[in-house]
Amino acid sequence: MRPNTTVPQYHPILMVTSNEHANIVLFGPSGGGKSSLVNLMAGKDVASTSSDMRSCTLHWQEYPIEFDGESYRVFDTVGLQEPQLGISQYLDAVENAYTLIQKLERQGGIDLLILCMRAGRLTSTLQTNYRLFHEFLCDKKVPVVVVITYLENEVGEMDAWWKRNENVFIEREVGVVGHACITTIKGNYPERYAESRTAIRKLVKKSTADGQKEAWIGGNNLFVSFMRKLKELLGGRKMHAKKDIVPRLIEKCGLPADIAKKLANRIKHDVQ
């Protein structure tokens, strides 16, 4: 029998934190209902569901929410929208990734990744987002759960979608420790909406329980490795003009000059 690769084993993580809240990174392509998912978890409207968030790779918004006596900080991100990025978009990813890592380091690391996707095919863009956050940004050390949205019209139980599609995740090595099949649309589906709130809260609580509270904390060395791998992920497009990269890393990312130079050298020489 083939092993179920949707249940990765997580080894002891880098640092035990005493945070009063768990840090959750919510990711996935636009149109998946990430902001509505934040509101569903919170039990009220805290995130705008319009397209106000700047469509910039790895841009993010932070939302403090509470439910069932627990506190969480949810970072709603915009991930990679296309498999290929140009130089400008790539450097935007550098800037915003480093900013997010710094912020989460100050707040105790990352406790959980949530991949939010609209019911449908497991596209290459979804797989790219998964690899970016789970493998490269978090070095495979943070548990991932998947939330499938827009299932209000599913015949029978909403969870039937997962039963039909779980093997696709296994075959494509998109490993998750849990899932929730939900709707974030209240409208004509109040019962399914309430069921969805219960399901996502239960999933989050279980996935950030005491046994998994050793939040992962990154660092500059891992960031350099992440940028190398991100370059591979984006198709090996060549970087030019190292002299143009260094000041941008210093000014926009707040990187020390020596680290910016090392990162620029690694990008230029190691990933072409």
Protein backbone atom coordinates (compact mmCIF):
# COMPACT_ATOMS: atom_id res chain seq x y z
CA MET A 1 0.00 0.00 0.00
CA ARG A 2 1.38 3.41 -0.93
CA PRO A 3 2.16 5.61 2.11
CA ASN A 4 -0.15 8.57 2.65
CA THR A 5 2.11 11.48 1.84
CA THR A 6 -0.58 13.94 2.93
CA VAL A 7 0.57 13.45 6.53
CA PRO A 8 4.19 14.68 6.72
CA GLN A 9 6.16 14.00 9.90
CA TYR A 10 7.40 17.17 11.61
CA HIS A 11 10.59 16.89 13.64
CA PRO A 12 11.32 19.11 16.64
CA ILE A 13 11.30 22.70 15.40
CA LEU A 14 13.88 25.35 16.07
CA MET A 15 12.66 27.22 19.11
CA VAL A 16 9.91 26.84 21.69
CA THR A 17 7.97 30.08 22.06
CA SER A 18 5.82 31.42 24.86
CA ASN A 19 3.58 33.46 22.58
CA GLU A 20 0.10 34.25 23.80
CA HIS A 21 -1.08 33.87 20.21
CA ALA A 22 -0.35 31.60 17.27
CA ASN A 23 0.96 33.03 14.00
CA ILE A 24 -0.81 31.69 10.92
CA VAL A 25 0.19 32.39 7.31
CA LEU A 26 -2.74 32.14 4.90
CA PHE A 27 -1.69 31.71 1.27
CA GLY A 28 -2.97 30.75 -2.15
CA PRO A 29 -3.91 32.42 -5.45
CA SER A 30 -6.36 35.32 -5.52
CA GLY A 31 -10.01 34.36 -5.93
CA GLY A 32 -9.79 31.50 -3.45
CA GLY A 33 -11.66 33.34 -0.71
CA LYS A 34 -8.77 34.02 1.70
CA SER A 35 -10.22 37.24 3.12
CA SER A 36 -13.65 35.65 3.52
CA LEU A 37 -11.95 32.76 5.32
CA VAL A 38 -10.41 35.21 7.81
CA ASN A 39 -13.87 36.65 8.46
CA LEU A 40 -15.34 33.17 8.85
CA MET A 41 -12.75 32.27 11.48
CA ALA A 42 -13.15 35.60 13.28
CA GLY A 43 -16.95 35.44 13.35
CA LYS A 44 -17.13 39.03 12.08
CA ASP A 45 -15.89 41.20 9.23
CA VAL A 46 -12.26 42.07 9.92
CA ALA A 47 -10.82 41.62 6.40
CA SER A 48 -11.96 43.40 3.29
CA THR A 49 -13.23 40.99 0.65
CA SER A 50 -12.75 43.48 -2.19
CA SER A 51 -9.57 43.66 -4.25
CA ASP A 52 -7.98 46.46 -2.18
CA MET A 53 -4.88 44.38 -1.34
CA ARG A 54 -2.13 45.45 -3.66
CA SER A 55 -1.47 42.68 -6.16
CA CYS A 56 2.17 42.42 -5.28
CA THR A 57 3.91 39.10 -4.91
CA LEU A 58 4.13 38.10 -1.25
CA HIS A 59 2.37 41.24 -0.02
CA TRP A 60 0.42 40.59 3.18
CA GLN A 61 -2.14 41.94 5.66
CA GLU A 62 -2.22 41.08 9.36
CA TYR A 63 -5.44 40.32 11.26
CA PRO A 64 -5.61 39.60 15.01
CA ILE A 65 -8.55 37.29 15.70
CA GLU A 66 -9.88 35.34 18.68
CA PHE A 67 -12.20 32.37 19.07
CA ASP A 68 -12.85 29.68 21.65
CA GLY A 69 -10.61 31.45 24.17
CA GLU A 70 -7.52 31.42 21.90
CA SER A 71 -5.75 34.29 20.12
CA TYR A 72 -4.32 34.13 16.62
CA ARG A 73 -2.60 36.46 14.20
CA VAL A 74 -3.47 35.64 10.61
CA PHE A 75 -1.22 36.93 7.84
CA ASP A 76 -3.27 37.03 4.63
CA THR A 77 -0.78 36.96 1.77
CA VAL A 78 -0.77 37.25 -1.99
CA GLY A 79 1.41 34.45 -3.31
CA LEU A 80 2.78 33.70 -6.74
CA GLN A 81 0.08 34.28 -9.31
CA GLU A 82 2.02 32.97 -12.27
CA PRO A 83 4.70 30.28 -12.65
CA GLN A 84 7.08 32.84 -14.24
CA LEU A 85 8.01 36.28 -12.91
CA GLY A 86 10.06 39.08 -14.41
CA ILE A 87 13.03 40.72 -12.68
CA SER A 88 10.92 43.48 -11.11
CA GLN A 89 8.35 41.05 -9.69
CA TYR A 90 11.13 38.78 -8.46
CA LEU A 91 12.75 41.63 -6.50
CA ASP A 92 9.32 42.56 -5.12
CA ALA A 93 9.14 39.00 -3.83
CA VAL A 94 12.57 39.42 -2.22
CA GLU A 95 11.51 42.61 -0.45
CA ASN A 96 8.19 41.37 0.85
CA ALA A 97 9.41 37.90 1.81
CA TYR A 98 12.17 39.35 3.94
CA THR A 99 9.79 41.86 5.55
CA LEU A 100 7.33 39.09 6.43
CA ILE A 101 10.09 36.86 7.83
CA GLN A 102 11.42 39.70 10.00
CA LYS A 103 7.98 40.48 11.37
CA LEU A 104 7.21 36.87 12.20
CA GLU A 105 10.60 36.41 13.85
CA ARG A 106 9.79 39.33 16.15
CA GLN A 107 6.41 37.79 16.92
CA GLY A 108 7.71 34.30 17.70
CA GLY A 109 7.85 32.47 14.36
CA ILE A 110 5.25 30.62 12.27
CA ASP A 111 2.86 28.08 13.81
CA LEU A 112 0.71 27.08 10.83
CA LEU A 113 0.39 27.48 7.07
CA ILE A 114 -3.09 27.44 5.51
CA LEU A 115 -3.38 26.83 1.78
CA CYS A 116 -6.70 28.30 0.68
CA MET A 117 -8.00 27.16 -2.69
CA ARG A 118 -11.23 27.31 -4.63
CA ALA A 119 -12.82 23.91 -5.34
CA GLY A 120 -11.50 22.75 -8.68
CA ARG A 121 -8.26 21.45 -10.12
CA LEU A 122 -4.97 21.39 -8.23
CA THR A 123 -3.32 23.75 -10.70
CA SER A 124 0.38 24.40 -11.27
CA THR A 125 -0.07 27.82 -9.64
CA LEU A 126 -1.43 26.17 -6.48
CA GLN A 127 1.48 23.74 -6.46
CA THR A 128 3.91 26.63 -6.93
CA ASN A 129 2.39 28.48 -3.98
CA TYR A 130 2.62 25.34 -1.84
CA ARG A 131 6.29 24.82 -2.66
CA LEU A 132 7.09 28.49 -2.12
CA PHE A 133 5.63 28.68 1.38
CA HIS A 134 6.07 25.15 2.71
CA GLU A 135 9.35 24.05 1.16
CA PHE A 136 11.24 27.28 0.56
CA LEU A 137 9.96 29.90 2.99
CA CYS A 138 9.47 27.50 5.92
CA ASP A 139 12.01 24.80 5.04
CA LYS A 140 9.35 22.05 5.42
CA LYS A 141 9.27 22.68 9.19
CA VAL A 142 5.77 24.18 9.56
CA PRO A 143 2.58 22.10 9.28
CA VAL A 144 0.29 22.87 6.35
CA VAL A 145 -3.47 22.43 6.14
CA VAL A 146 -5.61 22.96 3.06
CA VAL A 147 -9.00 24.69 3.03
CA ILE A 148 -11.21 24.16 -0.01
CA THR A 149 -13.82 26.89 -0.52
CA TYR A 150 -16.91 27.46 -2.67
CA LEU A 151 -18.49 24.11 -1.81
CA GLU A 152 -21.92 25.48 -0.91
CA ASN A 153 -23.47 23.61 -3.86
CA GLU A 154 -21.70 20.30 -3.21
CA VAL A 155 -24.16 17.41 -3.36
CA GLY A 156 -24.23 15.64 -0.01
CA GLU A 157 -21.55 16.45 2.55
CA MET A 158 -19.03 19.13 1.58
CA ASP A 159 -16.25 16.77 2.65
CA ALA A 160 -17.14 14.53 -0.31
CA TRP A 161 -14.92 16.80 -2.42
CA TRP A 162 -11.86 15.75 -0.44
CA LYS A 163 -12.72 12.07 -0.72
CA ARG A 164 -12.78 12.43 -4.50
CA ASN A 165 -9.59 14.48 -4.76
CA GLU A 166 -7.26 13.39 -1.94
CA ASN A 167 -5.28 11.08 -4.21
CA VAL A 168 -4.42 14.00 -6.52
CA PHE A 169 -2.71 15.76 -3.60
CA ILE A 170 -0.81 12.57 -2.78
CA GLU A 171 0.29 12.01 -6.38
CA ARG A 172 1.51 15.62 -6.75
CA GLU A 173 3.24 15.59 -3.36
CA VAL A 174 1.22 18.42 -1.88
CA GLY A 175 1.42 17.12 1.66
CA VAL A 176 -0.98 18.44 4.32
CA VAL A 177 -1.72 17.46 7.92
CA GLY A 178 -5.40 18.28 7.70
CA HIS A 179 -8.17 19.72 5.54
CA ALA A 180 -11.52 21.50 5.69
CA CYS A 181 -14.13 21.57 2.93
CA ILE A 182 -16.22 24.69 3.44
CA THR A 183 -18.15 27.63 2.10
CA THR A 184 -17.42 31.24 3.03
CA ILE A 185 -20.70 32.43 1.50
CA LYS A 186 -23.44 32.99 4.06
CA GLY A 187 -26.34 34.12 1.86
CA ASN A 188 -28.68 31.23 1.17
CA TYR A 189 -26.50 28.69 2.97
CA PRO A 190 -26.65 29.58 6.69
CA GLU A 191 -26.40 25.97 7.85
CA ARG A 192 -23.40 25.19 5.67
CA TYR A 193 -21.81 28.49 6.67
CA ALA A 194 -22.16 27.64 10.37
CA GLU A 195 -20.83 24.13 9.70
CA SER A 196 -17.88 25.67 7.87
CA ARG A 197 -17.03 27.96 10.78
CA THR A 198 -17.02 24.99 13.16
CA ALA A 199 -14.84 22.98 10.77
CA ILE A 200 -12.17 25.65 10.18
CA ARG A 201 -11.94 26.59 13.86
CA LYS A 202 -11.58 22.95 14.85
CA LEU A 203 -8.86 22.46 12.23
CA VAL A 204 -6.91 25.55 13.34
CA LYS A 205 -7.14 24.67 17.03
CA LYS A 206 -6.00 21.09 16.41
CA SER A 207 -3.12 22.17 14.17
CA THR A 208 -1.79 24.82 16.59
CA ALA A 209 -2.28 22.74 19.75
CA ASP A 210 0.41 22.55 22.44
CA GLY A 211 2.12 19.64 20.74
CA GLN A 212 2.82 21.76 17.67
CA LYS A 213 3.52 25.08 19.40
CA GLU A 214 7.27 25.02 18.75
CA ALA A 215 7.03 27.81 16.21
CA TRP A 216 9.56 27.83 13.38
CA ILE A 217 11.90 30.81 13.26
CA GLY A 218 13.97 31.49 10.17
CA GLY A 219 17.09 33.59 9.72
CA ASN A 220 19.37 35.24 7.20
CA ASN A 221 21.13 32.01 6.20
CA LEU A 222 17.83 30.29 5.51
CA PHE A 223 16.62 33.40 3.69
CA VAL A 224 19.57 33.21 1.30
CA SER A 225 18.77 29.55 0.69
CA PHE A 226 15.12 30.47 0.16
CA MET A 227 16.00 33.05 -2.46
CA ARG A 228 18.19 30.55 -4.32
CA LYS A 229 15.39 28.02 -4.36
CA LEU A 230 12.80 30.65 -5.26
CA LYS A 231 14.91 31.42 -8.31
CA GLU A 232 14.80 27.74 -9.27
CA LEU A 233 11.05 27.76 -8.72
CA LEU A 234 10.64 30.69 -11.07
CA GLY A 235 12.25 28.82 -13.92
CA GLY A 236 15.92 29.75 -13.74
CA ARG A 237 15.59 33.18 -15.35
CA LYS A 238 18.97 34.93 -15.23
CA MET A 239 19.58 37.85 -12.91
CA HIS A 240 21.61 40.78 -14.24
CA ALA A 241 23.31 43.84 -12.81
CA LYS A 242 24.22 42.84 -9.27
CA LYS A 243 25.01 46.51 -8.59
CA ASP A 244 21.30 47.29 -9.07
CA ILE A 245 20.19 44.53 -6.70
CA VAL A 246 22.37 45.45 -3.71
CA PRO A 247 21.03 48.98 -3.04
CA ARG A 248 17.48 47.76 -3.44
CA LEU A 249 18.03 45.03 -0.88
CA ILE A 250 19.57 47.57 1.51
CA GLU A 251 17.01 50.33 1.03
CA LYS A 252 13.80 48.38 0.56
CA CYS A 253 14.44 45.29 2.69
CA GLY A 254 16.51 46.88 5.43
CA LEU A 255 19.24 44.28 4.89
CA PRO A 256 22.71 45.05 6.25
CA ALA A 257 25.11 45.88 3.41
CA ASP A 258 27.25 42.76 3.92
CA ILE A 259 24.23 40.43 3.83
CA ALA A 260 22.79 42.26 0.79
CA LYS A 261 26.07 41.77 -1.09
CA LYS A 262 26.25 38.09 -0.17
CA LEU A 263 22.65 37.56 -1.22
CA ALA A 264 23.20 39.39 -4.51
CA ASN A 265 26.29 37.29 -5.18
CA ARG A 266 24.41 34.07 -4.41
CA ILE A 267 21.52 35.09 -6.68
CA LYS A 268 23.86 36.08 -9.51
CA HIS A 269 26.32 33.19 -9.40
CA ASP A 270 24.51 30.23 -7.85
CA VAL A 271 21.15 30.27 -9.56
CA GLN A 272 21.84 31.22 -13.16
